[in-house]
Amino acid sequence: MLVFTLVAILLYGMKTSGHTVEDGTLIGTALVVCMGYWFGLSLLSFFISYLLTAHVSLIQLMSLIGYSLTAHCIILSLSTVFDHYGTPVMFYLFWIIFGLLTTCKQVGILLSRSWSLRDGLILSLVIGSCHMCSILYLRFMYHRVYEALAEAI
């Protein structure tokens, strides 16, 4: 459900920013981005956890990454509501608070499922950095604020 909520938020952001897609529809683009992130990061982290002998199943990783999409939804929704003046200060504040909370939750779970601290930190670094960077990517590529409206006011 969080993936579809994120798709709806991205659709709203794309429609208000005037984002156009020539070879597809807006909903198709949003679905591919959200599902691709969820499945892609899950498979990447499963492959890395297999190499590092961390005891995490694919279902556990998909659940962990899927539930971390809550931060994506909260950050993008709140930054839309509270970012009226065209400055990204509120976005970065929400990004630090909510993004780091879910990243710390991911790190805690992955460290507890790893045999060695080094392997757990490597896996946590990969997943945590992908998580935080994906929020930035979604914000600046698909979720624009009413810049023309802010200039008019």
N, C-alpha and C. Protein backbone atom coordinates (compact mmCIF):
# COMPACT_ATOMS: atom_id res chain seq x y z
N MET A 1 0.81 -1.20 0.00
CA MET A 1 0.00 0.00 0.00
C MET A 1 0.85 1.26 0.00
N LEU A 2 1.99 1.20 0.67
CA LEU A 2 2.85 2.38 0.71
C LEU A 2 3.39 2.72 -0.67
N VAL A 3 3.62 1.71 -1.49
CA VAL A 3 4.10 1.97 -2.84
C VAL A 3 3.05 2.73 -3.63
N PHE A 4 1.79 2.35 -3.49
CA PHE A 4 0.73 3.03 -4.22
C PHE A 4 0.47 4.43 -3.66
N THR A 5 0.66 4.61 -2.37
CA THR A 5 0.56 5.95 -1.80
C THR A 5 1.66 6.84 -2.34
N LEU A 6 2.86 6.29 -2.42
CA LEU A 6 3.97 7.05 -2.98
C LEU A 6 3.73 7.37 -4.45
N VAL A 7 3.12 6.46 -5.18
CA VAL A 7 2.77 6.71 -6.58
C VAL A 7 1.79 7.88 -6.67
N ALA A 8 0.80 7.91 -5.79
CA ALA A 8 -0.17 9.01 -5.81
C ALA A 8 0.50 10.34 -5.49
N ILE A 9 1.42 10.34 -4.55
CA ILE A 9 2.13 11.58 -4.20
C ILE A 9 3.00 12.03 -5.37
N LEU A 10 3.66 11.10 -6.03
CA LEU A 10 4.48 11.44 -7.20
C LEU A 10 3.62 11.96 -8.34
N LEU A 11 2.46 11.37 -8.54
CA LEU A 11 1.56 11.85 -9.59
C LEU A 11 1.14 13.29 -9.33
N TYR A 12 0.82 13.57 -8.09
CA TYR A 12 0.45 14.94 -7.74
C TYR A 12 1.61 15.89 -8.01
N GLY A 13 2.80 15.48 -7.61
CA GLY A 13 3.97 16.32 -7.84
C GLY A 13 4.28 16.52 -9.31
N MET A 14 4.12 15.47 -10.11
CA MET A 14 4.39 15.58 -11.54
C MET A 14 3.36 16.44 -12.24
N LYS A 15 2.11 16.32 -11.84
CA LYS A 15 1.07 17.13 -12.49
C LYS A 15 1.21 18.60 -12.15
N THR A 16 1.55 18.91 -10.90
CA THR A 16 1.69 20.32 -10.53
C THR A 16 2.95 20.94 -11.09
N SER A 17 3.97 20.13 -11.37
CA SER A 17 5.21 20.70 -11.91
C SER A 17 5.20 20.78 -13.43
N GLY A 18 4.22 20.17 -14.06
CA GLY A 18 4.16 20.18 -15.51
C GLY A 18 5.10 19.18 -16.14
N HIS A 19 5.48 18.15 -15.41
CA HIS A 19 6.38 17.11 -15.92
C HIS A 19 5.69 16.35 -17.03
N THR A 20 6.35 16.23 -18.17
CA THR A 20 5.75 15.53 -19.30
C THR A 20 6.57 14.29 -19.64
N VAL A 21 5.87 13.28 -20.09
CA VAL A 21 6.50 12.03 -20.49
C VAL A 21 6.01 11.71 -21.89
N GLU A 22 6.93 11.55 -22.83
CA GLU A 22 6.54 11.30 -24.21
C GLU A 22 6.15 9.84 -24.45
N ASP A 23 6.92 8.91 -23.92
CA ASP A 23 6.73 7.51 -24.25
C ASP A 23 5.88 6.75 -23.24
N GLY A 24 5.07 7.38 -22.50
CA GLY A 24 4.24 6.68 -21.54
C GLY A 24 3.36 7.67 -20.79
N THR A 25 2.69 7.16 -19.84
CA THR A 25 1.81 7.99 -19.04
C THR A 25 2.49 8.36 -17.74
N LEU A 26 1.91 9.31 -17.06
CA LEU A 26 2.46 9.72 -15.76
C LEU A 26 2.34 8.61 -14.74
N ILE A 27 1.21 7.91 -14.73
CA ILE A 27 1.03 6.85 -13.74
C ILE A 27 1.98 5.68 -14.02
N GLY A 28 2.23 5.40 -15.27
CA GLY A 28 3.18 4.35 -15.60
C GLY A 28 4.59 4.70 -15.15
N THR A 29 4.98 5.94 -15.34
CA THR A 29 6.29 6.39 -14.90
C THR A 29 6.41 6.31 -13.39
N ALA A 30 5.39 6.76 -12.68
CA ALA A 30 5.43 6.73 -11.22
C ALA A 30 5.46 5.29 -10.70
N LEU A 31 4.68 4.41 -11.32
CA LEU A 31 4.68 3.00 -10.90
C LEU A 31 6.03 2.34 -11.14
N VAL A 32 6.64 2.61 -12.28
CA VAL A 32 7.94 2.02 -12.58
C VAL A 32 9.00 2.52 -11.62
N VAL A 33 8.97 3.80 -11.30
CA VAL A 33 9.96 4.36 -10.38
C VAL A 33 9.80 3.76 -8.99
N CYS A 34 8.58 3.72 -8.47
CA CYS A 34 8.36 3.22 -7.11
C CYS A 34 8.58 1.72 -6.99
N MET A 35 8.00 0.95 -7.90
CA MET A 35 8.19 -0.50 -7.85
C MET A 35 9.63 -0.88 -8.17
N GLY A 36 10.24 -0.15 -9.10
CA GLY A 36 11.63 -0.42 -9.43
C GLY A 36 12.55 -0.17 -8.25
N TYR A 37 12.30 0.91 -7.52
CA TYR A 37 13.10 1.18 -6.33
C TYR A 37 12.91 0.08 -5.29
N TRP A 38 11.67 -0.30 -5.05
CA TRP A 38 11.38 -1.29 -4.01
C TRP A 38 12.00 -2.65 -4.35
N PHE A 39 11.71 -3.14 -5.55
CA PHE A 39 12.25 -4.44 -5.94
C PHE A 39 13.76 -4.39 -6.19
N GLY A 40 14.22 -3.32 -6.82
CA GLY A 40 15.64 -3.21 -7.14
C GLY A 40 16.52 -3.16 -5.91
N LEU A 41 16.14 -2.32 -4.95
CA LEU A 41 16.94 -2.23 -3.72
C LEU A 41 16.81 -3.50 -2.90
N SER A 42 15.66 -4.14 -2.93
CA SER A 42 15.50 -5.41 -2.22
C SER A 42 16.41 -6.48 -2.79
N LEU A 43 16.45 -6.58 -4.11
CA LEU A 43 17.31 -7.59 -4.74
C LEU A 43 18.79 -7.26 -4.56
N LEU A 44 19.15 -5.98 -4.68
CA LEU A 44 20.54 -5.58 -4.46
C LEU A 44 20.98 -5.89 -3.04
N SER A 45 20.15 -5.55 -2.08
CA SER A 45 20.52 -5.80 -0.68
C SER A 45 20.52 -7.30 -0.37
N PHE A 46 19.65 -8.08 -1.02
CA PHE A 46 19.69 -9.52 -0.83
C PHE A 46 20.98 -10.12 -1.38
N PHE A 47 21.40 -9.64 -2.54
CA PHE A 47 22.65 -10.10 -3.12
C PHE A 47 23.84 -9.74 -2.23
N ILE A 48 23.87 -8.52 -1.73
CA ILE A 48 24.97 -8.11 -0.85
C ILE A 48 24.92 -8.87 0.46
N SER A 49 23.73 -9.09 1.00
CA SER A 49 23.64 -9.85 2.25
C SER A 49 24.04 -11.31 2.04
N TYR A 50 23.80 -11.84 0.86
CA TYR A 50 24.25 -13.20 0.55
C TYR A 50 25.78 -13.25 0.50
N LEU A 51 26.39 -12.24 -0.12
CA LEU A 51 27.84 -12.20 -0.20
C LEU A 51 28.48 -12.01 1.17
N LEU A 52 27.82 -11.25 2.03
CA LEU A 52 28.37 -10.95 3.35
C LEU A 52 27.88 -11.93 4.42
N THR A 53 27.18 -12.95 4.04
CA THR A 53 26.62 -13.98 4.93
C THR A 53 25.78 -13.41 6.06
N ALA A 54 25.00 -12.42 5.74
CA ALA A 54 24.02 -11.91 6.71
C ALA A 54 22.78 -12.79 6.60
N HIS A 55 22.15 -13.05 7.70
CA HIS A 55 21.00 -13.95 7.72
C HIS A 55 19.71 -13.16 7.61
N VAL A 56 19.47 -12.68 6.40
CA VAL A 56 18.27 -11.91 6.09
C VAL A 56 17.66 -12.51 4.84
N SER A 57 16.39 -12.86 4.93
CA SER A 57 15.72 -13.43 3.75
C SER A 57 15.23 -12.32 2.84
N LEU A 58 14.89 -12.69 1.62
CA LEU A 58 14.40 -11.71 0.65
C LEU A 58 13.08 -11.10 1.12
N ILE A 59 12.23 -11.90 1.72
CA ILE A 59 10.94 -11.38 2.23
C ILE A 59 11.18 -10.36 3.34
N GLN A 60 12.13 -10.63 4.22
CA GLN A 60 12.44 -9.68 5.28
C GLN A 60 12.98 -8.37 4.71
N LEU A 61 13.83 -8.47 3.71
CA LEU A 61 14.37 -7.25 3.10
C LEU A 61 13.30 -6.48 2.35
N MET A 62 12.42 -7.19 1.66
CA MET A 62 11.33 -6.50 0.95
C MET A 62 10.40 -5.80 1.94
N SER A 63 10.13 -6.44 3.07
CA SER A 63 9.29 -5.82 4.09
C SER A 63 9.99 -4.62 4.70
N LEU A 64 11.26 -4.76 5.01
CA LEU A 64 12.02 -3.67 5.61
C LEU A 64 12.08 -2.46 4.70
N ILE A 65 12.38 -2.69 3.44
CA ILE A 65 12.48 -1.58 2.49
C ILE A 65 11.09 -1.05 2.15
N GLY A 66 10.10 -1.92 2.08
CA GLY A 66 8.73 -1.48 1.80
C GLY A 66 8.18 -0.60 2.91
N TYR A 67 8.42 -0.98 4.16
CA TYR A 67 7.94 -0.15 5.26
C TYR A 67 8.74 1.13 5.41
N SER A 68 9.96 1.14 4.91
CA SER A 68 10.73 2.39 4.97
C SER A 68 10.23 3.42 3.96
N LEU A 69 9.37 2.99 3.04
CA LEU A 69 8.75 3.95 2.13
C LEU A 69 7.80 4.89 2.84
N THR A 70 7.49 4.59 4.10
CA THR A 70 6.69 5.50 4.91
C THR A 70 7.36 6.86 4.99
N ALA A 71 8.67 6.85 5.17
CA ALA A 71 9.41 8.11 5.25
C ALA A 71 9.31 8.87 3.93
N HIS A 72 9.37 8.18 2.81
CA HIS A 72 9.23 8.84 1.51
C HIS A 72 7.88 9.55 1.43
N CYS A 73 6.83 8.84 1.81
CA CYS A 73 5.48 9.42 1.74
C CYS A 73 5.33 10.61 2.68
N ILE A 74 5.82 10.47 3.90
CA ILE A 74 5.69 11.56 4.88
C ILE A 74 6.48 12.78 4.43
N ILE A 75 7.71 12.58 4.01
CA ILE A 75 8.57 13.70 3.63
C ILE A 75 8.02 14.43 2.42
N LEU A 76 7.63 13.70 1.39
CA LEU A 76 7.13 14.36 0.19
C LEU A 76 5.78 15.03 0.43
N SER A 77 4.94 14.43 1.26
CA SER A 77 3.64 15.05 1.56
C SER A 77 3.81 16.32 2.38
N LEU A 78 4.58 16.24 3.45
CA LEU A 78 4.76 17.40 4.31
C LEU A 78 5.52 18.53 3.61
N SER A 79 6.48 18.18 2.78
CA SER A 79 7.20 19.24 2.08
C SER A 79 6.31 19.92 1.05
N THR A 80 5.32 19.22 0.52
CA THR A 80 4.36 19.85 -0.37
C THR A 80 3.47 20.82 0.38
N VAL A 81 3.04 20.42 1.56
CA VAL A 81 2.13 21.25 2.34
C VAL A 81 2.83 22.48 2.92
N PHE A 82 4.03 22.30 3.44
CA PHE A 82 4.69 23.37 4.18
C PHE A 82 5.74 24.14 3.40
N ASP A 83 5.99 23.79 2.16
CA ASP A 83 7.01 24.48 1.39
C ASP A 83 6.35 25.45 0.42
N HIS A 84 5.90 26.58 0.93
CA HIS A 84 5.15 27.54 0.12
C HIS A 84 6.03 28.62 -0.49
N TYR A 85 7.22 28.78 0.00
CA TYR A 85 8.01 29.93 -0.41
C TYR A 85 9.14 29.58 -1.36
N GLY A 86 9.19 28.37 -1.85
CA GLY A 86 10.19 28.00 -2.81
C GLY A 86 11.54 27.65 -2.22
N THR A 87 11.69 27.75 -0.90
CA THR A 87 12.95 27.37 -0.26
C THR A 87 12.83 25.94 0.24
N PRO A 88 13.86 25.15 0.06
CA PRO A 88 13.78 23.74 0.45
C PRO A 88 14.15 23.48 1.91
N VAL A 89 14.05 24.48 2.77
CA VAL A 89 14.45 24.32 4.17
C VAL A 89 13.58 23.29 4.87
N MET A 90 12.28 23.37 4.68
CA MET A 90 11.38 22.42 5.34
C MET A 90 11.61 21.00 4.82
N PHE A 91 11.87 20.89 3.52
CA PHE A 91 12.14 19.56 2.97
C PHE A 91 13.36 18.95 3.63
N TYR A 92 14.43 19.72 3.73
CA TYR A 92 15.65 19.17 4.33
C TYR A 92 15.46 18.86 5.81
N LEU A 93 14.66 19.63 6.49
CA LEU A 93 14.36 19.34 7.90
C LEU A 93 13.60 18.02 8.01
N PHE A 94 12.57 17.84 7.19
CA PHE A 94 11.82 16.58 7.19
C PHE A 94 12.70 15.42 6.73
N TRP A 95 13.58 15.69 5.76
CA TRP A 95 14.47 14.65 5.25
C TRP A 95 15.41 14.15 6.34
N ILE A 96 15.94 15.08 7.12
CA ILE A 96 16.85 14.69 8.21
C ILE A 96 16.08 13.95 9.30
N ILE A 97 14.93 14.46 9.69
CA ILE A 97 14.19 13.84 10.80
C ILE A 97 13.64 12.47 10.40
N PHE A 98 12.76 12.45 9.41
CA PHE A 98 12.07 11.20 9.07
C PHE A 98 12.95 10.24 8.28
N GLY A 99 13.79 10.76 7.42
CA GLY A 99 14.69 9.89 6.66
C GLY A 99 15.69 9.18 7.55
N LEU A 100 16.25 9.92 8.50
CA LEU A 100 17.22 9.29 9.40
C LEU A 100 16.55 8.33 10.37
N LEU A 101 15.31 8.60 10.76
CA LEU A 101 14.61 7.66 11.65
C LEU A 101 14.43 6.30 10.99
N THR A 102 13.98 6.29 9.76
CA THR A 102 13.79 5.00 9.10
C THR A 102 15.12 4.35 8.72
N THR A 103 16.12 5.18 8.41
CA THR A 103 17.44 4.61 8.13
C THR A 103 18.04 3.98 9.37
N CYS A 104 17.88 4.63 10.52
CA CYS A 104 18.38 4.04 11.77
C CYS A 104 17.65 2.75 12.10
N LYS A 105 16.37 2.67 11.82
CA LYS A 105 15.63 1.44 12.03
C LYS A 105 16.17 0.32 11.13
N GLN A 106 16.43 0.65 9.87
CA GLN A 106 17.00 -0.33 8.95
C GLN A 106 18.37 -0.79 9.43
N VAL A 107 19.20 0.15 9.85
CA VAL A 107 20.55 -0.18 10.31
C VAL A 107 20.49 -1.09 11.53
N GLY A 108 19.60 -0.80 12.46
CA GLY A 108 19.48 -1.63 13.65
C GLY A 108 19.08 -3.06 13.33
N ILE A 109 18.15 -3.21 12.43
CA ILE A 109 17.71 -4.56 12.05
C ILE A 109 18.82 -5.30 11.31
N LEU A 110 19.48 -4.62 10.39
CA LEU A 110 20.53 -5.28 9.61
C LEU A 110 21.74 -5.63 10.46
N LEU A 111 22.07 -4.77 11.41
CA LEU A 111 23.20 -5.09 12.30
C LEU A 111 22.88 -6.28 13.19
N SER A 112 21.64 -6.40 13.60
CA SER A 112 21.28 -7.53 14.46
C SER A 112 21.23 -8.85 13.69
N ARG A 113 21.07 -8.80 12.38
CA ARG A 113 20.98 -10.01 11.57
C ARG A 113 22.32 -10.40 10.94
N SER A 114 23.37 -9.63 11.17
CA SER A 114 24.68 -9.92 10.59
C SER A 114 25.57 -10.61 11.61
N TRP A 115 26.45 -11.46 11.11
CA TRP A 115 27.36 -12.17 12.01
C TRP A 115 28.47 -11.25 12.51
N SER A 116 29.02 -10.47 11.62
CA SER A 116 30.11 -9.58 12.04
C SER A 116 29.67 -8.13 11.90
N LEU A 117 30.29 -7.29 12.68
CA LEU A 117 29.95 -5.87 12.66
C LEU A 117 30.33 -5.25 11.32
N ARG A 118 31.46 -5.66 10.77
CA ARG A 118 31.92 -5.11 9.49
C ARG A 118 30.91 -5.42 8.38
N ASP A 119 30.45 -6.64 8.31
CA ASP A 119 29.48 -7.01 7.28
C ASP A 119 28.16 -6.27 7.46
N GLY A 120 27.73 -6.14 8.70
CA GLY A 120 26.50 -5.41 8.97
C GLY A 120 26.61 -3.94 8.62
N LEU A 121 27.77 -3.34 8.87
CA LEU A 121 27.96 -1.94 8.54
C LEU A 121 28.02 -1.72 7.03
N ILE A 122 28.64 -2.64 6.30
CA ILE A 122 28.68 -2.51 4.84
C ILE A 122 27.27 -2.60 4.26
N LEU A 123 26.51 -3.59 4.70
CA LEU A 123 25.14 -3.75 4.22
C LEU A 123 24.28 -2.56 4.62
N SER A 124 24.44 -2.08 5.84
CA SER A 124 23.67 -0.94 6.31
C SER A 124 24.03 0.33 5.56
N LEU A 125 25.31 0.50 5.24
CA LEU A 125 25.74 1.68 4.50
C LEU A 125 25.15 1.70 3.10
N VAL A 126 25.11 0.56 2.44
CA VAL A 126 24.55 0.49 1.09
C VAL A 126 23.06 0.79 1.12
N ILE A 127 22.33 0.12 1.99
CA ILE A 127 20.88 0.32 2.03
C ILE A 127 20.52 1.71 2.55
N GLY A 128 21.21 2.18 3.57
CA GLY A 128 20.92 3.51 4.12
C GLY A 128 21.21 4.62 3.14
N SER A 129 22.33 4.54 2.42
CA SER A 129 22.64 5.59 1.45
C SER A 129 21.68 5.55 0.27
N CYS A 130 21.29 4.37 -0.18
CA CYS A 130 20.29 4.28 -1.25
C CYS A 130 18.95 4.85 -0.80
N HIS A 131 18.59 4.59 0.45
CA HIS A 131 17.32 5.09 0.99
C HIS A 131 17.31 6.62 1.04
N MET A 132 18.36 7.20 1.59
CA MET A 132 18.40 8.66 1.71
C MET A 132 18.52 9.34 0.34
N CYS A 133 19.30 8.76 -0.56
CA CYS A 133 19.47 9.35 -1.89
C CYS A 133 18.20 9.21 -2.73
N SER A 134 17.43 8.16 -2.51
CA SER A 134 16.20 8.00 -3.28
C SER A 134 15.18 9.06 -2.91
N ILE A 135 15.16 9.48 -1.66
CA ILE A 135 14.26 10.57 -1.26
C ILE A 135 14.66 11.85 -1.98
N LEU A 136 15.95 12.13 -2.04
CA LEU A 136 16.42 13.32 -2.76
C LEU A 136 16.09 13.22 -4.25
N TYR A 137 16.27 12.04 -4.81
CA TYR A 137 15.96 11.85 -6.23
C TYR A 137 14.49 12.11 -6.51
N LEU A 138 13.62 11.54 -5.69
CA LEU A 138 12.19 11.74 -5.91
C LEU A 138 11.79 13.20 -5.74
N ARG A 139 12.41 13.86 -4.80
CA ARG A 139 12.07 15.26 -4.55
C ARG A 139 12.45 16.14 -5.74
N PHE A 140 13.67 15.99 -6.22
CA PHE A 140 14.15 16.92 -7.22
C PHE A 140 13.85 16.49 -8.65
N MET A 141 13.44 15.27 -8.87
CA MET A 141 13.13 14.84 -10.22
C MET A 141 11.62 14.78 -10.50
N TYR A 142 10.82 14.48 -9.50
CA TYR A 142 9.40 14.26 -9.76
C TYR A 142 8.47 15.10 -8.90
N HIS A 143 8.98 15.70 -7.88
CA HIS A 143 8.08 16.34 -6.93
C HIS A 143 8.48 17.81 -6.79
N ARG A 144 7.99 18.66 -7.67
CA ARG A 144 8.31 20.08 -7.65
C ARG A 144 7.20 20.84 -6.94
N VAL A 145 7.60 21.94 -6.36
CA VAL A 145 6.65 22.79 -5.66
C VAL A 145 6.14 23.85 -6.63
N TYR A 146 5.05 24.46 -6.31
CA TYR A 146 4.48 25.49 -7.17
C TYR A 146 5.43 26.69 -7.23
N GLU A 147 6.39 26.68 -8.13
CA GLU A 147 7.34 27.78 -8.20
C GLU A 147 6.68 29.03 -8.78
N ALA A 148 5.86 28.85 -9.78
CA ALA A 148 5.19 30.00 -10.37
C ALA A 148 4.19 30.61 -9.40
N LEU A 149 3.52 29.77 -8.63
CA LEU A 149 2.57 30.27 -7.65
C LEU A 149 3.28 31.02 -6.54
N ALA A 150 4.42 30.52 -6.13
CA ALA A 150 5.18 31.19 -5.07
C ALA A 150 5.69 32.54 -5.55
N GLU A 151 6.09 32.63 -6.81
CA GLU A 151 6.54 33.92 -7.34
C GLU A 151 5.39 34.90 -7.47
N ALA A 152 4.20 34.40 -7.78
CA ALA A 152 3.04 35.27 -7.94
C ALA A 152 2.58 35.83 -6.60
N ILE A 153 2.75 35.05 -5.54
CA ILE A 153 2.31 35.51 -4.22
C ILE A 153 3.37 36.41 -3.67
